Protein backbone atom coordinates (compact mmCIF):
# COMPACT_ATOMS: atom_id res chain seq x y z
CA MET A 1 43.10 189.18 90.15
CA PHE A 2 42.52 188.14 86.56
CA ILE A 3 41.09 184.66 86.04
CA ARG A 4 43.97 183.78 83.71
CA ASP A 5 46.43 184.45 86.58
CA LEU A 6 44.93 181.64 88.69
CA PRO A 7 46.93 178.81 87.01
CA LYS A 8 50.10 180.84 87.49
CA VAL A 9 49.44 181.37 91.19
CA LEU A 10 48.53 177.70 91.65
CA PHE A 11 51.72 176.70 89.86
CA LEU A 12 53.83 178.83 92.20
CA ILE A 13 52.08 177.51 95.30
CA LEU A 14 52.61 173.90 94.23
CA ALA A 15 56.22 174.59 93.24
CA THR A 16 56.92 176.21 96.61
CA ILE A 17 55.41 173.29 98.53
CA ALA A 18 57.33 170.77 96.43
CA PHE A 19 60.56 172.72 96.86
CA LEU A 20 60.16 172.88 100.65
CA ILE A 21 59.58 169.14 100.96
CA GLY A 22 62.34 168.32 98.52
CA GLY A 23 60.07 167.42 95.64
CA VAL A 24 61.52 169.90 93.13
CA THR A 25 65.09 169.89 91.92
CA PHE A 26 66.63 172.32 89.47
CA SER A 27 69.33 171.19 87.06
CA GLY A 28 72.80 172.64 87.54
CA ALA A 29 74.52 174.55 84.79
CA LYS A 30 76.92 172.83 82.39
CA GLN A 31 80.05 174.62 81.29
CA LEU A 32 80.05 175.82 77.68
CA PRO A 33 83.61 175.78 76.30
CA ILE A 34 84.58 177.95 73.33
CA THR A 35 87.94 177.65 71.56
CA THR A 36 89.52 181.09 71.19
CA ASN A 37 92.78 180.04 69.56
CA SER A 38 94.64 176.92 68.47
CA CYS A 39 98.01 175.97 67.02
CA SER A 40 100.14 172.86 66.54
CA VAL A 41 102.96 172.03 68.95
CA ALA A 42 104.05 169.37 66.45
CA ASP A 43 105.32 172.24 64.29
CA PHE A 44 108.24 172.72 66.65
CA GLY A 45 108.82 169.00 67.28
CA SER A 46 106.47 167.75 69.99
CA ALA A 47 104.85 164.71 68.42
CA ASN A 48 103.73 163.02 71.65
CA SER A 49 102.56 165.81 73.94
CA THR A 50 101.63 164.57 77.39
CA GLY A 51 101.27 167.55 79.74
CA LEU A 52 101.12 171.32 79.99
CA GLY A 53 102.41 173.96 82.37
CA TYR A 54 102.37 177.75 82.46
CA ASN A 55 105.14 180.05 83.66
CA SER A 56 103.30 183.03 85.15
CA ALA A 57 106.54 185.03 85.38
CA SER A 58 107.40 184.84 81.67
CA GLY A 59 103.92 184.20 80.26
CA SER A 60 105.17 181.12 78.42
CA LEU A 61 103.71 177.64 78.13
CA ALA A 62 105.62 174.40 78.67
CA VAL A 63 104.71 171.07 77.09
CA THR A 64 106.24 167.71 78.04
CA ASP A 65 106.92 165.06 75.42
CA SER A 66 107.39 161.55 76.81
CA TYR A 67 108.86 160.14 73.57
CA ASP A 68 111.39 162.91 72.97
CA ASP A 69 112.17 163.23 76.69
CA GLU A 70 111.89 166.96 76.17
CA VAL A 71 110.26 170.00 77.67
CA TYR A 72 109.39 172.61 75.05
CA ILE A 73 108.82 176.22 76.08
CA TYR A 74 106.57 178.12 73.69
CA ASP A 75 104.17 181.06 73.42
CA SER A 76 100.40 180.95 72.89
CA ASP A 77 100.86 180.95 69.10
CA CYS A 78 103.15 177.90 69.22
CA ASN A 79 106.36 179.81 68.59
CA LEU A 80 109.18 177.82 70.20
CA ILE A 81 111.17 179.80 72.78
CA SER A 82 113.49 177.14 74.19
CA SER A 83 113.66 173.50 75.25
CA PHE A 84 115.58 171.19 77.55
CA ASP A 85 116.26 167.45 77.65
CA THR A 86 114.99 165.48 80.66
CA ALA A 87 116.92 162.33 79.70
CA SER A 88 120.12 164.20 80.54
CA PHE A 89 119.17 164.49 84.23
CA ALA A 90 121.54 162.64 86.61
CA LEU A 91 118.63 160.27 87.20
CA PRO A 92 117.23 160.33 83.65
CA ALA A 93 113.57 161.20 83.24
CA TRP A 94 112.72 158.93 80.33
CA GLU A 95 108.98 159.60 80.38
CA PRO A 96 108.24 163.17 81.45
CA GLU A 97 104.45 163.24 81.67
CA ASP A 98 103.66 166.70 82.96
CA ILE A 99 105.09 169.96 84.23
CA THR A 100 103.93 172.74 86.53
CA TYR A 101 105.42 176.07 87.60
CA ASN A 102 105.93 177.22 91.19
CA PRO A 103 106.08 181.05 91.12
CA ALA A 104 107.01 181.28 94.81
CA ASP A 105 110.34 179.50 94.16
CA ALA A 106 110.59 180.24 90.42
CA MET A 107 110.95 176.56 89.57
CA TYR A 108 109.30 173.80 87.59
CA ALA A 109 108.12 170.48 88.97
CA ILE A 110 108.13 167.59 86.48
CA VAL A 111 106.52 164.20 87.05
CA ASP A 112 108.15 161.23 85.29
CA ALA A 113 106.34 157.91 84.75
CA TYR A 114 109.48 155.84 84.07
CA GLN A 115 111.27 156.62 87.31
CA ASP A 116 108.07 157.46 89.24
CA GLU A 117 109.83 160.60 90.37
CA VAL A 118 109.06 164.26 90.82
CA TYR A 119 111.90 166.49 89.63
CA PHE A 120 112.33 170.11 90.67
CA THR A 121 114.24 172.26 88.17
CA ASP A 122 114.97 175.88 87.46
CA THR A 123 113.47 177.42 84.33
CA THR A 124 116.43 176.29 82.19
CA GLY A 125 116.04 172.63 83.17
CA THR A 126 118.80 172.40 85.80
CA VAL A 127 117.73 169.86 88.42
CA LEU A 128 117.44 171.29 91.93
CA GLY A 129 116.24 168.07 93.54
CA ASN A 130 113.83 165.15 93.26
CA CYS A 131 111.63 162.83 95.34
CA ASP A 132 110.17 159.35 94.87
CA ILE A 133 106.39 159.11 94.36
CA ALA A 134 106.30 155.31 93.96
CA VAL A 135 106.77 154.79 97.70
CA LEU A 136 103.40 156.48 98.17
CA GLY A 137 101.76 154.00 95.80
CA SER A 138 101.87 156.04 92.61
CA THR A 139 103.49 153.99 89.85
CA SER A 140 101.62 155.58 86.92
CA PRO A 141 101.88 159.31 87.63
CA ARG A 142 100.50 161.38 84.79
CA GLY A 143 99.84 164.96 85.87
CA ILE A 144 101.10 167.53 88.35
CA ALA A 145 99.79 170.94 89.43
CA TYR A 146 101.14 173.51 91.86
CA ASN A 147 98.56 174.93 94.27
CA THR A 148 99.45 178.60 94.76
CA THR A 149 97.10 178.91 97.74
CA SER A 150 98.37 176.02 99.87
CA ASP A 151 101.93 175.85 98.46
CA ASN A 152 101.80 172.16 97.57
CA TYR A 153 101.46 169.88 94.56
CA ALA A 154 98.66 167.62 93.31
CA ILE A 155 99.66 164.54 91.28
CA THR A 156 97.24 162.39 89.26
CA ASP A 157 97.85 158.67 88.79
CA ASN A 158 95.86 156.81 86.13
CA GLY A 159 96.78 153.41 87.55
CA THR A 160 95.43 153.96 91.04
CA ASP A 161 92.89 156.61 89.96
CA LYS A 162 94.01 158.88 92.76
CA VAL A 163 95.26 162.37 93.37
CA TYR A 164 98.26 162.59 95.71
CA ILE A 165 99.00 165.86 97.52
CA ILE A 166 102.70 166.41 98.33
CA ASP A 167 104.98 169.29 99.19
CA ASP A 168 108.60 169.97 98.16
CA SER A 169 110.16 169.46 101.58
CA VAL A 170 111.97 166.37 100.30
CA MET A 171 114.37 167.02 97.40
CA ASN A 172 117.16 164.54 98.13
CA GLY A 173 115.72 161.59 96.25
CA GLY A 174 113.82 160.18 99.21
CA SER A 175 110.12 159.52 99.44
CA CYS A 176 107.93 162.53 98.58
CA ASN A 177 106.21 163.98 101.64
CA GLN A 178 102.53 163.14 101.25
CA LEU A 179 99.98 165.48 102.80
CA ASN A 180 96.78 163.89 101.54
CA GLN A 181 95.17 161.84 98.77
CA PHE A 182 91.71 161.24 97.29
CA ASP A 183 90.05 159.05 94.67
CA THR A 184 89.12 160.31 91.22
CA ILE A 185 86.54 157.54 90.64
CA VAL A 186 84.31 159.43 93.08
CA PHE A 187 83.74 162.18 90.51
CA GLY A 188 83.75 159.86 87.49
CA SER A 189 87.35 159.90 86.30
CA ASP A 190 88.93 156.48 85.73
CA ASN A 191 91.87 157.71 83.65
CA PRO A 192 93.06 161.00 85.16
CA ASN A 193 96.03 162.01 83.05
CA ASP A 194 96.53 165.68 83.95
CA ILE A 195 95.57 168.23 86.56
CA THR A 196 95.75 172.00 86.93
CA TYR A 197 94.97 174.42 89.74
CA LEU A 198 92.28 177.09 89.34
CA GLN A 199 93.50 179.97 91.44
CA ASP A 200 90.34 182.04 90.87
CA THR A 201 88.09 179.52 92.62
CA ASP A 202 90.54 177.38 94.64
CA GLU A 203 89.65 174.27 92.64
CA TYR A 204 91.36 171.69 90.46
CA ALA A 205 90.58 170.73 86.87
CA VAL A 206 91.34 167.10 85.98
CA ALA A 207 91.66 165.97 82.35
CA ASP A 208 90.45 162.43 81.67
CA TRP A 209 91.68 160.79 78.46
CA ASN A 210 89.08 158.02 78.29
CA ASP A 211 86.10 160.19 79.20
CA THR A 212 87.33 163.11 77.06
CA GLU A 213 86.19 165.36 79.89
CA ILE A 214 87.62 168.10 82.05
CA TYR A 215 86.31 167.63 85.60
CA ILE A 216 86.23 170.69 87.86
CA ILE A 217 86.58 169.55 91.47
CA SER A 218 87.13 170.96 94.95
CA THR A 219 90.59 170.58 96.47
CA SER A 220 89.24 167.59 98.40
CA GLY A 221 87.87 165.84 95.30
CA SER A 222 84.17 166.78 95.16
CA LEU A 223 82.78 167.34 91.66
CA ARG A 224 81.74 170.90 90.86
CA THR A 225 81.08 170.73 87.14
CA GLN A 226 82.66 169.42 83.93
CA PHE A 227 82.95 170.00 80.19
CA ASP A 228 83.53 167.85 77.13
CA THR A 229 86.60 168.03 74.88
CA TYR A 230 85.85 165.34 72.30
CA TYR A 231 83.08 167.25 70.54
CA GLY A 232 83.99 170.68 71.80
CA LEU A 233 87.53 170.69 70.42
CA GLY A 234 86.97 168.41 67.43
CA ASN A 235 87.40 164.68 68.19
CA SER A 236 90.01 165.47 70.81
CA TYR A 237 91.39 163.40 73.68
CA PRO A 238 92.87 165.73 76.32
CA ALA A 239 96.51 164.88 77.04
CA GLY A 240 97.38 167.96 79.07
CA VAL A 241 95.61 170.93 80.62
CA VAL A 242 96.66 174.11 82.39
CA TYR A 243 94.58 177.05 83.56
CA VAL A 244 95.91 180.59 83.14
CA SER A 245 94.23 182.82 85.71
CA SER A 246 95.29 186.12 84.13
CA GLU A 247 93.58 185.16 80.86
CA LYS A 248 90.60 183.26 82.34
CA ARG A 249 91.47 180.54 79.83
CA TYR A 250 92.41 176.89 79.76
CA TYR A 251 95.15 175.62 77.49
CA ILE A 252 94.55 172.02 76.42
CA VAL A 253 96.89 169.89 74.32
CA ASP A 254 95.28 166.87 72.66
CA ASN A 255 96.13 163.57 70.98
CA TYR A 256 96.76 165.43 67.70
CA ASN A 257 99.38 167.62 69.40
CA VAL A 258 97.20 170.68 68.99
CA SER A 259 97.31 173.33 71.69
CA TYR A 260 93.88 174.90 72.26
CA GLN A 261 93.06 178.07 74.16
CA VAL A 262 89.61 177.55 75.66
CA ASP A 263 87.18 179.86 77.42
CA ALA A 264 84.95 177.71 79.64
CA ARG A 265 83.25 180.46 81.66
CA GLY A 266 80.07 180.07 79.62
CA THR A 267 77.20 177.98 80.94
CA SER A 268 74.16 176.15 79.60
CA GLU A 269 71.35 175.78 82.10
CA PHE A 270 67.99 174.04 81.87
CA LEU A 271 65.14 176.54 82.18
CA CYS A 272 61.85 174.73 81.55
CA ASP A 273 60.19 171.69 80.01
CA THR A 274 57.90 172.56 77.09
CA GLY A 275 56.50 169.04 76.83
CA GLY A 276 54.80 169.45 80.17
CA LEU A 277 53.07 172.53 78.80
CA GLY A 278 51.68 170.61 75.82
CA SER A 279 54.44 171.57 73.38
CA PRO A 280 56.02 168.48 71.76
CA ASP A 281 58.13 170.35 69.20
CA PRO A 282 59.27 173.87 70.22
CA SER A 283 60.67 175.44 67.06
CA ASP A 284 61.79 178.93 68.13
CA VAL A 285 61.77 181.30 71.08
CA THR A 286 61.77 185.05 71.75
CA PHE A 287 61.84 187.35 74.77
CA ASN A 288 59.74 190.39 75.73
CA PRO A 289 61.96 192.55 77.99
CA GLY A 290 59.09 194.87 78.85
CA THR A 291 57.05 192.14 80.53
CA ASN A 292 59.90 189.70 81.28
CA GLU A 293 58.06 187.01 79.35
CA ILE A 294 59.19 184.20 77.07
CA ALA A 295 57.20 183.40 73.95
CA PHE A 296 57.88 180.27 71.94
CA VAL A 297 56.15 178.63 69.00
CA ASP A 298 55.53 174.93 68.35
CA ASN A 299 55.20 173.73 64.74
CA THR A 300 53.45 170.50 65.71
CA SER A 301 50.77 171.89 68.01
CA ASP A 302 50.65 175.13 65.94
CA THR A 303 50.58 177.12 69.14
CA VAL A 304 52.31 180.14 70.64
CA TYR A 305 53.05 179.73 74.36
CA ILE A 306 53.78 182.71 76.61
CA LEU A 307 55.54 182.16 79.94
CA ASP A 308 56.52 184.41 82.82
CA LEU A 309 60.21 184.24 83.70
CA ILE A 310 60.36 184.37 87.50
CA ASP A 311 63.23 184.34 89.97
CA PHE A 312 62.30 181.48 92.32
CA GLY A 313 64.71 181.31 95.25
CA GLY A 314 67.63 182.45 93.10
CA THR A 315 66.68 180.13 90.24
CA LEU A 316 64.90 181.28 87.10
CA ILE A 317 61.78 179.26 86.30
CA CYS A 318 59.09 179.43 83.62
CA VAL A 319 55.51 179.91 84.78
CA PRO A 320 52.68 179.34 82.22
CA ASP A 321 50.78 182.51 81.38
CA ARG A 322 48.72 182.01 78.19
CA GLN A 323 48.72 180.43 74.76
CA PHE A 324 46.98 180.85 71.41
CA SER A 325 46.71 178.94 68.15
CA THR A 326 48.48 180.03 64.98
CA LEU A 327 45.78 178.27 62.96
CA THR A 328 43.46 181.22 63.62
CA PHE A 329 45.47 183.30 61.18
CA GLY A 330 46.30 180.48 58.76
CA SER A 331 49.70 179.25 59.93
CA ASP A 332 49.89 175.45 60.16
CA ASN A 333 53.70 175.12 60.20
CA PRO A 334 55.12 178.00 62.28
CA THR A 335 58.89 177.77 62.54
CA GLY A 336 60.17 181.10 63.87
CA ILE A 337 59.11 183.80 66.30
CA ALA A 338 60.48 187.24 67.23
CA TYR A 339 59.15 190.00 69.47
CA ILE A 340 59.07 193.53 67.98
CA PRO A 341 58.92 196.11 70.81
CA THR A 342 58.29 199.13 68.56
CA THR A 343 54.95 197.69 67.41
CA ASN A 344 54.33 195.28 70.30
CA GLN A 345 53.97 192.43 67.82
CA LEU A 346 55.19 188.90 67.32
CA ALA A 347 56.67 188.14 63.90
CA ILE A 348 55.98 184.47 63.10
CA THR A 349 57.44 182.67 60.09
CA ASP A 350 55.66 179.79 58.38
CA TYR A 351 57.87 177.32 56.52
CA TYR A 352 55.45 176.04 53.89
CA ASP A 353 53.29 179.15 53.55
CA HIS A 354 56.42 181.24 52.82
CA GLU A 355 54.91 183.93 55.05
CA ILE A 356 55.74 186.19 57.95
CA TYR A 357 52.68 186.86 60.11
CA PHE A 358 52.63 189.92 62.37
CA VAL A 359 50.44 189.20 65.39
CA GLY A 360 49.49 191.57 68.20
CA TYR A 361 51.30 190.53 71.36
CA ASP A 362 48.34 191.40 73.57
CA SER A 363 45.48 191.01 71.08
CA GLU A 364 46.76 187.66 69.72
CA THR A 365 45.23 188.58 66.37
CA LEU A 366 46.73 188.99 62.92
CA GLU A 367 47.67 192.62 62.16
CA ASP A 368 49.79 192.25 59.03
CA GLN A 369 51.61 189.68 56.91
CA CYS A 370 54.03 189.43 54.01
CA ASP A 371 54.75 186.81 51.38
CA THR A 372 58.47 186.02 51.54
CA GLY A 373 58.15 183.67 48.58
CA ALA A 374 57.14 186.57 46.35
CA LEU A 375 60.27 188.37 47.53
CA GLY A 376 62.49 185.46 46.51
CA MET A 377 62.87 183.79 49.89
CA HIS A 378 61.15 180.45 50.31
CA TYR A 379 60.87 178.24 53.40
CA PRO A 380 61.68 180.82 56.11
CA GLN A 381 62.77 179.33 59.42
CA GLY A 382 64.16 181.16 62.46
CA ILE A 383 63.60 184.89 62.83
CA ASP A 384 65.07 187.63 65.04
CA TYR A 385 64.61 191.40 65.34
CA ILE A 386 67.44 193.95 65.39
CA ALA A 387 66.10 196.95 67.31
CA GLN A 388 69.09 199.17 66.48
CA LEU A 389 68.32 198.87 62.76
CA ASP A 390 64.58 198.16 62.90
CA LYS A 391 65.27 195.11 60.73
CA LEU A 392 64.27 191.46 60.76
CA VAL A 393 66.79 188.63 60.39
CA VAL A 394 65.41 185.48 58.77
CA VAL A 395 67.25 182.18 58.32
CA ASN A 396 66.63 180.21 55.14
CA ASP A 397 68.72 177.06 54.76
CA GLN A 398 67.10 176.20 51.40
CA ASP A 399 68.94 179.19 49.95
CA ASP A 400 71.81 178.79 52.46
CA ALA A 401 71.38 182.40 53.50
CA LEU A 402 70.73 184.77 56.36
CA PHE A 403 68.41 187.54 55.17
CA LEU A 404 68.28 191.05 56.64
CA MET A 405 64.81 192.40 55.87
CA ASP A 406 63.01 195.71 56.26
CA ARG A 407 60.55 195.32 59.09
CA SER A 408 57.71 197.30 57.53
CA THR A 409 57.98 196.08 53.92
CA CYS A 410 59.75 192.71 54.34
CA GLU A 411 62.01 193.70 51.46
CA PRO A 412 65.45 192.00 51.73
CA VAL A 413 68.17 194.63 52.23
CA ASN A 414 71.12 192.32 52.75
CA GLN A 415 71.93 188.64 52.43
CA ASN A 416 74.74 186.64 54.05
CA ALA A 417 75.65 183.31 52.49
CA LEU A 418 75.80 180.65 55.20
CA ASP A 419 78.77 179.09 53.39
CA THR A 420 80.93 181.95 54.69
CA LEU A 421 80.61 180.41 58.15
CA GLU A 422 82.77 177.49 56.97
CA LEU A 423 80.07 175.17 58.24
CA TRP A 424 81.30 172.14 60.16
CA GLY A 425 80.91 169.26 57.73
CA GLY A 426 79.04 171.50 55.26
CA GLY A 427 75.93 172.20 57.31
CA THR A 428 72.53 171.21 56.01
CA SER A 429 70.07 172.34 58.67
CA ILE A 430 70.27 175.90 59.98
CA PRO A 431 67.11 176.41 62.07
CA GLY A 432 67.80 179.80 63.57
CA ALA A 433 70.03 182.76 64.33
CA ALA A 434 70.20 185.40 67.05
CA PHE A 435 71.71 188.88 66.93
CA GLN A 436 73.96 190.04 69.75
CA ALA A 437 73.37 193.77 70.00
CA GLY A 438 76.40 194.37 72.19
CA GLY A 439 78.89 193.22 69.60
CA GLY A 440 77.16 193.26 66.24
CA ARG A 441 77.42 189.49 65.92
CA PHE A 442 75.15 186.65 64.96
CA LEU A 443 74.88 183.28 66.68
CA VAL A 444 73.87 180.75 64.03
CA ALA A 445 72.77 177.22 64.97
CA ASP A 446 73.72 174.24 62.79
CA ASN A 447 71.37 171.40 63.70
CA SER A 448 73.03 168.81 61.47
CA TYR A 449 76.39 169.02 63.18
CA ASP A 450 75.29 170.30 66.60
CA GLU A 451 77.32 173.47 66.31
CA VAL A 452 76.76 177.16 66.94
CA TYR A 453 78.76 179.63 64.87
CA ILE A 454 79.55 183.15 66.06
CA SER A 455 79.85 185.40 63.02
CA ASN A 456 80.42 189.08 62.37
CA PHE A 457 77.67 191.19 60.85
CA GLU A 458 78.70 190.27 57.32
CA GLY A 459 78.45 186.57 58.13
CA PHE A 460 82.10 185.53 58.45
CA ARG A 461 82.80 183.09 61.26
CA GLU A 462 84.78 184.25 64.27
CA ARG A 463 84.19 181.38 66.69
CA ARG A 464 82.31 178.10 66.96
CA PHE A 465 81.22 175.89 69.81
CA ASP A 466 79.69 172.45 70.17
CA THR A 467 76.23 171.77 71.60
CA TYR A 468 76.24 167.95 71.53
CA GLY A 469 78.57 167.86 74.50
CA LEU A 470 76.02 169.98 76.34
CA GLY A 471 73.39 167.33 75.69
CA LEU A 472 71.64 169.43 73.03
CA ALA A 473 71.44 167.65 69.69
CA THR A 474 68.30 169.19 68.17
CA ILE A 475 68.52 172.95 68.66
CA SER A 476 65.55 174.54 66.93
CA GLY A 477 65.73 178.21 67.88
CA LEU A 478 67.60 180.86 69.85
CA THR A 479 67.10 184.48 70.86
CA PRO A 480 69.12 187.11 72.76
CA MET A 481 68.38 188.33 76.25
CA PRO A 482 69.16 191.89 77.39
CA GLY A 483 72.78 192.50 78.35
CA GLY A 484 74.58 190.95 75.39
CA GLU A 485 75.78 187.68 76.94
CA GLN A 486 72.66 185.57 77.49
CA PHE A 487 70.49 183.65 75.03
CA LEU A 488 67.37 181.50 75.26
CA VAL A 489 67.55 178.23 73.32
CA THR A 490 64.89 175.68 72.35
CA ASP A 491 65.67 172.00 71.76
CA ALA A 492 62.94 170.25 69.77
CA GLY A 493 64.15 166.77 70.62
CA LEU A 494 64.28 167.30 74.37
CA ASP A 495 61.23 169.62 74.40
CA ASP A 496 63.15 172.03 76.62
CA ILE A 497 64.20 175.65 76.88
CA TYR A 498 67.71 176.46 78.07
CA ILE A 499 69.50 179.66 78.96
CA TRP A 500 73.07 180.20 77.80
CA THR A 501 75.42 182.68 79.46
CA ILE A 502 78.54 183.48 77.40
CA PRO A 503 80.83 186.06 79.10
CA LEU A 504 83.26 185.85 76.17
CA LEU A 505 80.81 187.93 74.12
CA LYS A 506 81.23 190.84 76.54
CA GLU A 507 85.00 190.95 76.23
CA ALA A 508 86.96 193.23 73.92
CA PRO A 509 85.09 193.02 70.60
CA PHE A 510 86.14 190.70 67.83
CA SER A 511 85.16 193.48 65.40
CA ILE A 512 84.42 197.18 65.25
CA SER A 513 80.66 196.54 65.13
CA GLY A 514 78.68 198.33 67.82
CA GLN A 515 77.29 201.66 69.03
CA TYR A 516 79.54 204.66 69.78
CA THR A 517 78.89 208.10 71.23
CA SER A 518 80.45 211.31 69.86
CA SER A 519 82.30 213.71 72.16
CA GLY A 520 81.96 216.51 69.61
CA LEU A 521 78.57 216.66 67.92
CA GLY A 522 76.90 214.31 70.36
CA GLY A 523 74.60 211.64 69.06
CA THR A 524 75.44 208.05 68.25
CA MET A 525 77.19 206.13 65.51
CA MET A 526 76.22 202.55 64.67
CA LEU A 527 78.95 200.60 62.90
CA PHE A 528 78.73 197.13 61.35
CA GLU A 529 81.87 195.36 60.20
CA ARG A 530 81.54 193.81 56.75
CA GLY A 531 84.72 191.73 56.87
CA GLY A 532 88.39 192.45 56.28
CA GLY A 533 88.26 195.73 58.23
CA HIS A 534 85.54 197.29 56.07
CA PHE A 535 82.46 198.68 57.79
CA THR A 536 79.26 200.60 57.15
CA GLY A 537 76.83 202.29 59.49
CA THR A 538 74.80 205.34 60.44
CA PHE A 539 75.63 208.55 62.29
CA ASP A 540 72.66 210.19 64.04
CA THR A 541 72.94 213.49 65.96
CA GLY A 542 69.21 213.82 66.45
CA THR A 543 68.98 216.46 63.72
CA ILE A 544 71.30 214.95 61.13
CA THR A 545 71.34 211.33 59.99
CA ALA A 546 74.05 210.25 57.58
CA PRO A 547 75.23 206.90 56.19
CA ILE A 548 78.77 205.94 57.16
CA PHE A 549 81.39 203.74 55.51
CA GLY A 550 85.07 203.14 56.14
CA TYR A 551 88.02 200.88 56.75
CA TYR A 552 90.34 200.18 59.67
CA ASP A 553 93.62 198.31 59.99
CA ALA A 554 93.77 196.44 63.29
CA ALA A 555 97.54 195.96 62.95
CA THR A 556 98.41 199.67 62.61
CA GLY A 557 95.39 201.16 64.38
CA ASN A 558 94.65 203.49 61.45
CA ILE A 559 91.06 204.21 60.45
CA SER A 560 89.36 206.10 57.63
CA LEU A 561 85.72 207.11 57.86
CA GLY A 562 83.52 208.76 55.26
CA GLY A 563 79.93 209.58 54.43
CA THR A 564 77.55 212.07 52.86
CA LEU A 565 75.48 214.64 54.76
CA PRO A 566 71.78 215.12 53.87
CA ASN A 567 72.72 218.26 51.92
CA GLY A 568 75.02 216.20 49.71
CA VAL A 569 78.27 217.39 51.24
CA PRO A 570 80.80 214.55 51.44
CA MET A 571 82.84 214.05 54.58
CA VAL A 572 86.06 212.08 55.00
CA TRP A 573 88.13 211.82 58.16
CA LYS A 574 91.13 209.81 59.24
CA GLY A 575 92.34 208.85 62.67
CA THR A 576 93.17 205.96 64.96
CA VAL A 577 91.30 203.17 66.68
CA SER A 578 92.41 201.70 70.01
CA SER A 579 93.69 198.13 70.16
CA ASP A 580 90.53 197.01 71.99
CA LEU A 581 88.40 198.70 69.29
CA ASN A 582 86.55 200.69 71.95
CA THR A 583 87.78 204.21 71.10
CA ILE A 584 87.98 205.95 67.71
CA THR A 585 89.83 209.28 67.53
CA LEU A 586 89.28 211.29 64.33
CA THR A 587 91.78 214.04 63.51
CA GLY A 588 90.26 217.46 62.76
CA SER A 589 86.71 216.16 62.86
CA PRO A 590 83.80 217.85 64.66
CA ILE A 591 82.73 214.34 65.65
CA GLY A 592 85.70 214.24 68.01
CA THR A 593 86.26 210.99 69.87
CA LEU A 594 83.89 208.07 69.47
CA THR A 595 83.54 205.89 72.57
CA ARG A 596 81.94 202.45 72.46
CA VAL A 597 78.66 202.05 74.34
CA TYR A 598 78.35 198.37 73.40
C-alpha cells in the first residue's frame, strides 16, 4: 500500500464507523425544475387562473377562473379549445377553484369555494351530481386531484391546512363521503392551494402559494421532496398545478396567468465539503473518467485538490487523495481547470496572468503553457475540454464571450457572444461553462443572477434554470460527467461540490448537434448546429476526413448536406431528417442513413 493511500483508508474506516453509529448523514437530493414551454392563458380570457386539470383522453388542459366563473379548455400552447360557465349550474359555482379529470368515468370534478361543493360534470360542463365538502370541515377548498390508483379524490383546504380524501359515492348534494384526511403543516405547507396526483410514483404534489413551493408527498402526507417556483419560474406564485404522466411534466399556472410546462426530474445533490479539505474558495472542477477522480482548483489557497469518487453504501462520497500547489508553476489566481485525457494533463486558467497552464496529471509539474492575453483573450475563467473536437472551451466575461480554442496552440477558432444567451438581467459574472457531449450543448453559469443557461453549440439559449432555489447562489464552476446527463458543480460561497442529474438532456435533442454513424461508408459524422437550422461538422470514415456544412428545416423535415473531399471534389446531397432529429436519410448518397449515437 502506498503511504499516500493511508489517509484515504483512515477516512473510509472513520466514515464507516460514524455511519454505523448514526454519526454520518448524507443530504438528500433537491429537485431541479426546468421550464420547457410557457404561454399565457390570459390571451384567451383567463385573468384570474386558480387551478389546473388535464384530460388524459383528449390531451387537453383545463384551467378554472374564479372571477369569470369559467372553465377554459386549451392545449399546451394556450390555444383555446372550448369553455363552459360554472355559474350556470343549478347550484351556481361562483368560485371554481380547481378541476381534475377522472378517466375511469370520463368526467371532471370541480371544487368550488363559494358553495364549498364538489361538482361532477361531463367534459362539456353538464353537471352529473355534487356533494357538500363543508360538512367535513372544509370551508376554504382550493384544489382537487383524482387518484387513478385508489379511485378517489384529494382536496386541499387553505383554511384548515388539510387534505381531505373523498370518493364520488355521494352525488345527490349530500355530504361528501370522507375516506381520510391529513395535515399539510406537517410537511411545511400552510397555504395549500392546489394538488395533483403523480401516477408514476403514487404520490401527490401540493402547490403552496405563500411558500412558492411544490411539495411532493406520499399519499398519507409524508414529505418526499420539493422544488421552488418563485425563482425557478420567474417571480411566480403557483396558483394551480397538474402532473401529466405521459409527458413526465408538470403544468403550473401562476399569479401572472402564465401556464408553464416544467420538467422536475432533475436533481441537485450535495457531494462533498471542500472547506473541510482546506479549500475556502473552490473556483472550478473537472473529472477524470479513467481514474474516477475529481480534481478542483481553489483560487484562494492556490491549490489543486484531487479526490476519489467512491460509492459508499449507495451514496457517492469524495475521499481525499492528494493535492499540489499552483504556485510551483507561477499561478497565484487559478480560476479554471479541465482534464485532457489525450495528454493526461490538467489545463488550468489563471485570471490575472492571462495564462493557461498545462500540468501533468500524475507528475503535477508544468509541461506547457500559453498566453491567452497575447491571443486577444484576457482574464480567462472557467475551462472545459471537448474530446470530440480536441478543443478547449474558455469562458471570459470581460469580453462577454465563450472561446473555442485549439488545444495544442491555444489559438481561438470560434467565439460565442454571451449576449446571445439573453442573459437574465443582463448577466455580469459568467464563471464557467460545461459541454454536454451527448447533445452538443453548453451549460453556462451566470453567477450574478443565479441562473444556468443551456445553449446550442453556436451559443443561442434553448433553456434556463434557476440555482438560487436549490440553495446555490455562488456557482463558480461546472464540468460534465460521462453519460451526458450529470454534471459536477462547485459553489464558492458554500465551499461545496454538488452533482446535478438532468434527464431532460438525454431526451430527443433540441438540435441536430451530435455524433452519427453511416450505414453506407461507415465511419462517423459529427454535426454542430450553428443556429436557425444551419450546421457544420466533420465526416470521418477512417481513411477520408471531410468538413461538412448544411441546413435542415425542422418543420418540413428536409435537409441539405454538403462538403469537399480531400481531393477537392465537392459533394452535395439532399434528404430528410426524422422529427426527433435522430435519423438522417440522404437520397442517392453512398453515406446512406445516418443514425444518432448521441
